[in-house]
Amino acid sequence: MDKTKLVSNDLELPPLRSLDDFLLESARFQLPNLKDLEKWGNRVVNNLLYYQTNYLFMSVIIFLIVGSKAFC
């Protein structure tokens, strides 16, 4: 439990990854190999697990932006 924060008894929140790791320099963007769907599926799942806190944070920000535009 060195890099995760304990949210409740059984739920751990992974750390927020750096923007450099998530989107910029070290991010690897490439087309998936559609001939090997199992490998592609594993990569998607691993990405979602590794960056889940970033995706949650990004979703909240987008929701707030869209919600604030709806009331203007």
N, C-alpha and C. Protein backbone atom coordinates (compact mmCIF):
# COMPACT_ATOMS: atom_id res chain seq x y z
N MET A 1 0.82 -1.18 0.00
CA MET A 1 0.00 0.00 0.00
C MET A 1 0.88 1.25 0.00
N ASP A 2 1.99 1.22 -0.69
CA ASP A 2 2.92 2.33 -0.67
C ASP A 2 2.45 3.52 -1.51
N LYS A 3 1.85 3.28 -2.68
CA LYS A 3 1.46 4.40 -3.54
C LYS A 3 -0.05 4.53 -3.67
N THR A 4 -0.80 3.75 -2.94
CA THR A 4 -2.26 3.86 -3.01
C THR A 4 -2.79 4.43 -1.71
N LYS A 5 -3.91 5.11 -1.83
CA LYS A 5 -4.54 5.69 -0.64
C LYS A 5 -5.75 4.85 -0.28
N LEU A 6 -5.89 4.56 0.99
CA LEU A 6 -7.00 3.78 1.47
C LEU A 6 -8.23 4.68 1.58
N VAL A 7 -9.28 4.36 0.80
CA VAL A 7 -10.49 5.15 0.80
C VAL A 7 -11.46 4.60 1.83
N SER A 8 -11.66 3.31 1.84
CA SER A 8 -12.48 2.66 2.86
C SER A 8 -11.77 1.37 3.25
N ASN A 9 -12.48 0.46 3.88
CA ASN A 9 -11.84 -0.78 4.32
C ASN A 9 -11.29 -1.61 3.18
N ASP A 10 -12.02 -1.71 2.06
CA ASP A 10 -11.59 -2.58 0.97
C ASP A 10 -11.28 -1.84 -0.32
N LEU A 11 -11.52 -0.56 -0.40
CA LEU A 11 -11.37 0.20 -1.63
C LEU A 11 -10.11 1.04 -1.57
N GLU A 12 -9.23 0.86 -2.55
CA GLU A 12 -8.01 1.64 -2.62
C GLU A 12 -8.04 2.49 -3.88
N LEU A 13 -7.67 3.75 -3.75
CA LEU A 13 -7.63 4.67 -4.87
C LEU A 13 -6.18 4.78 -5.34
N PRO A 14 -5.91 4.40 -6.60
CA PRO A 14 -4.54 4.50 -7.09
C PRO A 14 -4.13 5.97 -7.22
N PRO A 15 -2.83 6.22 -7.29
CA PRO A 15 -2.37 7.61 -7.36
C PRO A 15 -2.73 8.26 -8.70
N LEU A 16 -2.84 9.57 -8.68
CA LEU A 16 -3.05 10.34 -9.89
C LEU A 16 -1.73 10.36 -10.66
N ARG A 17 -1.75 9.89 -11.88
CA ARG A 17 -0.52 9.82 -12.69
C ARG A 17 -0.21 11.21 -13.25
N SER A 18 1.03 11.44 -13.54
CA SER A 18 1.43 12.76 -14.05
C SER A 18 0.86 12.99 -15.44
N LEU A 19 0.70 14.26 -15.79
CA LEU A 19 0.19 14.61 -17.11
C LEU A 19 1.15 14.14 -18.19
N ASP A 20 2.43 14.18 -17.90
CA ASP A 20 3.44 13.70 -18.84
C ASP A 20 3.25 12.22 -19.12
N ASP A 21 2.98 11.45 -18.10
CA ASP A 21 2.77 10.01 -18.25
C ASP A 21 1.43 9.71 -18.91
N PHE A 22 0.42 10.51 -18.61
CA PHE A 22 -0.94 10.25 -19.07
C PHE A 22 -1.16 10.68 -20.52
N LEU A 23 -0.68 11.86 -20.91
CA LEU A 23 -0.99 12.38 -22.24
C LEU A 23 0.19 12.88 -23.06
N LEU A 24 1.26 13.28 -22.44
CA LEU A 24 2.29 14.01 -23.18
C LEU A 24 3.45 13.12 -23.61
N GLU A 25 4.64 13.46 -23.19
CA GLU A 25 5.87 12.87 -23.68
C GLU A 25 5.93 11.34 -23.65
N SER A 26 5.71 10.76 -22.50
CA SER A 26 5.94 9.32 -22.37
C SER A 26 4.73 8.48 -22.78
N ALA A 27 3.62 9.12 -23.15
CA ALA A 27 2.44 8.36 -23.58
C ALA A 27 2.71 7.75 -24.95
N ARG A 28 2.29 6.51 -25.11
CA ARG A 28 2.49 5.81 -26.38
C ARG A 28 1.15 5.71 -27.10
N PHE A 29 1.00 6.46 -28.16
CA PHE A 29 -0.21 6.38 -28.96
C PHE A 29 0.13 5.63 -30.24
N GLN A 30 -0.55 4.53 -30.47
CA GLN A 30 -0.34 3.77 -31.69
C GLN A 30 -1.62 3.03 -32.03
N LEU A 31 -1.77 2.70 -33.29
CA LEU A 31 -2.95 1.95 -33.72
C LEU A 31 -2.87 0.53 -33.18
N PRO A 32 -3.99 0.00 -32.71
CA PRO A 32 -3.97 -1.38 -32.19
C PRO A 32 -3.88 -2.39 -33.33
N ASN A 33 -3.31 -3.53 -33.01
CA ASN A 33 -3.25 -4.63 -33.96
C ASN A 33 -4.59 -5.36 -33.90
N LEU A 34 -5.44 -5.13 -34.89
CA LEU A 34 -6.78 -5.70 -34.88
C LEU A 34 -6.79 -7.20 -35.15
N LYS A 35 -5.65 -7.74 -35.55
CA LYS A 35 -5.58 -9.19 -35.78
C LYS A 35 -5.42 -9.95 -34.47
N ASP A 36 -4.95 -9.28 -33.44
CA ASP A 36 -4.76 -9.90 -32.13
C ASP A 36 -5.66 -9.19 -31.12
N LEU A 37 -6.95 -9.53 -31.14
CA LEU A 37 -7.93 -8.84 -30.30
C LEU A 37 -7.72 -9.10 -28.81
N GLU A 38 -7.20 -10.27 -28.46
CA GLU A 38 -6.97 -10.57 -27.05
C GLU A 38 -5.89 -9.65 -26.47
N LYS A 39 -4.81 -9.47 -27.20
CA LYS A 39 -3.74 -8.59 -26.74
C LYS A 39 -4.24 -7.14 -26.66
N TRP A 40 -5.03 -6.71 -27.64
CA TRP A 40 -5.58 -5.36 -27.65
C TRP A 40 -6.53 -5.15 -26.47
N GLY A 41 -7.38 -6.15 -26.21
CA GLY A 41 -8.30 -6.07 -25.08
C GLY A 41 -7.56 -5.99 -23.75
N ASN A 42 -6.50 -6.79 -23.61
CA ASN A 42 -5.69 -6.74 -22.38
C ASN A 42 -5.03 -5.37 -22.20
N ARG A 43 -4.59 -4.78 -23.31
CA ARG A 43 -3.96 -3.47 -23.22
C ARG A 43 -4.96 -2.41 -22.78
N VAL A 44 -6.19 -2.48 -23.30
CA VAL A 44 -7.23 -1.52 -22.90
C VAL A 44 -7.54 -1.66 -21.42
N VAL A 45 -7.71 -2.90 -20.95
CA VAL A 45 -8.03 -3.14 -19.55
C VAL A 45 -6.89 -2.66 -18.65
N ASN A 46 -5.66 -2.98 -19.01
CA ASN A 46 -4.51 -2.54 -18.21
C ASN A 46 -4.40 -1.02 -18.18
N ASN A 47 -4.68 -0.37 -19.31
CA ASN A 47 -4.66 1.08 -19.36
C ASN A 47 -5.72 1.67 -18.45
N LEU A 48 -6.93 1.13 -18.49
CA LEU A 48 -8.01 1.63 -17.65
C LEU A 48 -7.69 1.44 -16.17
N LEU A 49 -7.09 0.33 -15.82
CA LEU A 49 -6.73 0.10 -14.42
C LEU A 49 -5.60 1.02 -13.96
N TYR A 50 -4.59 1.18 -14.80
CA TYR A 50 -3.43 1.98 -14.42
C TYR A 50 -3.77 3.46 -14.30
N TYR A 51 -4.62 3.95 -15.21
CA TYR A 51 -4.96 5.38 -15.23
C TYR A 51 -6.37 5.66 -14.72
N GLN A 52 -6.96 4.78 -13.93
CA GLN A 52 -8.36 4.95 -13.54
C GLN A 52 -8.60 6.25 -12.77
N THR A 53 -7.68 6.67 -11.94
CA THR A 53 -7.85 7.92 -11.21
C THR A 53 -7.81 9.10 -12.18
N ASN A 54 -6.93 9.05 -13.18
CA ASN A 54 -6.88 10.12 -14.17
C ASN A 54 -8.17 10.19 -14.97
N TYR A 55 -8.70 9.03 -15.37
CA TYR A 55 -9.96 9.02 -16.13
C TYR A 55 -11.11 9.53 -15.27
N LEU A 56 -11.14 9.17 -14.01
CA LEU A 56 -12.19 9.66 -13.11
C LEU A 56 -12.09 11.18 -12.97
N PHE A 57 -10.90 11.69 -12.74
CA PHE A 57 -10.69 13.13 -12.61
C PHE A 57 -11.09 13.86 -13.89
N MET A 58 -10.69 13.32 -15.04
CA MET A 58 -11.02 13.93 -16.33
C MET A 58 -12.54 13.93 -16.56
N SER A 59 -13.21 12.85 -16.19
CA SER A 59 -14.66 12.76 -16.34
C SER A 59 -15.37 13.80 -15.49
N VAL A 60 -14.91 13.98 -14.26
CA VAL A 60 -15.52 14.99 -13.37
C VAL A 60 -15.33 16.38 -13.95
N ILE A 61 -14.13 16.69 -14.44
CA ILE A 61 -13.86 18.00 -15.02
C ILE A 61 -14.74 18.25 -16.24
N ILE A 62 -14.85 17.27 -17.13
CA ILE A 62 -15.69 17.42 -18.32
C ILE A 62 -17.15 17.58 -17.92
N PHE A 63 -17.61 16.81 -16.95
CA PHE A 63 -18.98 16.92 -16.47
C PHE A 63 -19.25 18.31 -15.91
N LEU A 64 -18.31 18.85 -15.15
CA LEU A 64 -18.48 20.20 -14.59
C LEU A 64 -18.49 21.27 -15.68
N ILE A 65 -17.64 21.13 -16.68
CA ILE A 65 -17.60 22.10 -17.78
C ILE A 65 -18.90 22.07 -18.57
N VAL A 66 -19.34 20.88 -18.94
CA VAL A 66 -20.58 20.74 -19.70
C VAL A 66 -21.77 21.20 -18.86
N GLY A 67 -21.78 20.85 -17.60
CA GLY A 67 -22.86 21.27 -16.71
C GLY A 67 -22.92 22.77 -16.53
N SER A 68 -21.76 23.41 -16.45
CA SER A 68 -21.76 24.86 -16.27
C SER A 68 -22.19 25.57 -17.55
N LYS A 69 -21.90 25.01 -18.71
CA LYS A 69 -22.33 25.60 -19.99
C LYS A 69 -23.84 25.48 -20.16
N ALA A 70 -24.43 24.43 -19.60
CA ALA A 70 -25.87 24.22 -19.74
C ALA A 70 -26.67 25.25 -18.96
N PHE A 71 -26.09 25.80 -17.90
CA PHE A 71 -26.80 26.77 -17.07
C PHE A 71 -26.49 28.21 -17.44
N CYS A 72 -25.65 28.43 -18.43
CA CYS A 72 -25.32 29.82 -18.83
C CYS A 72 -26.28 30.34 -19.87
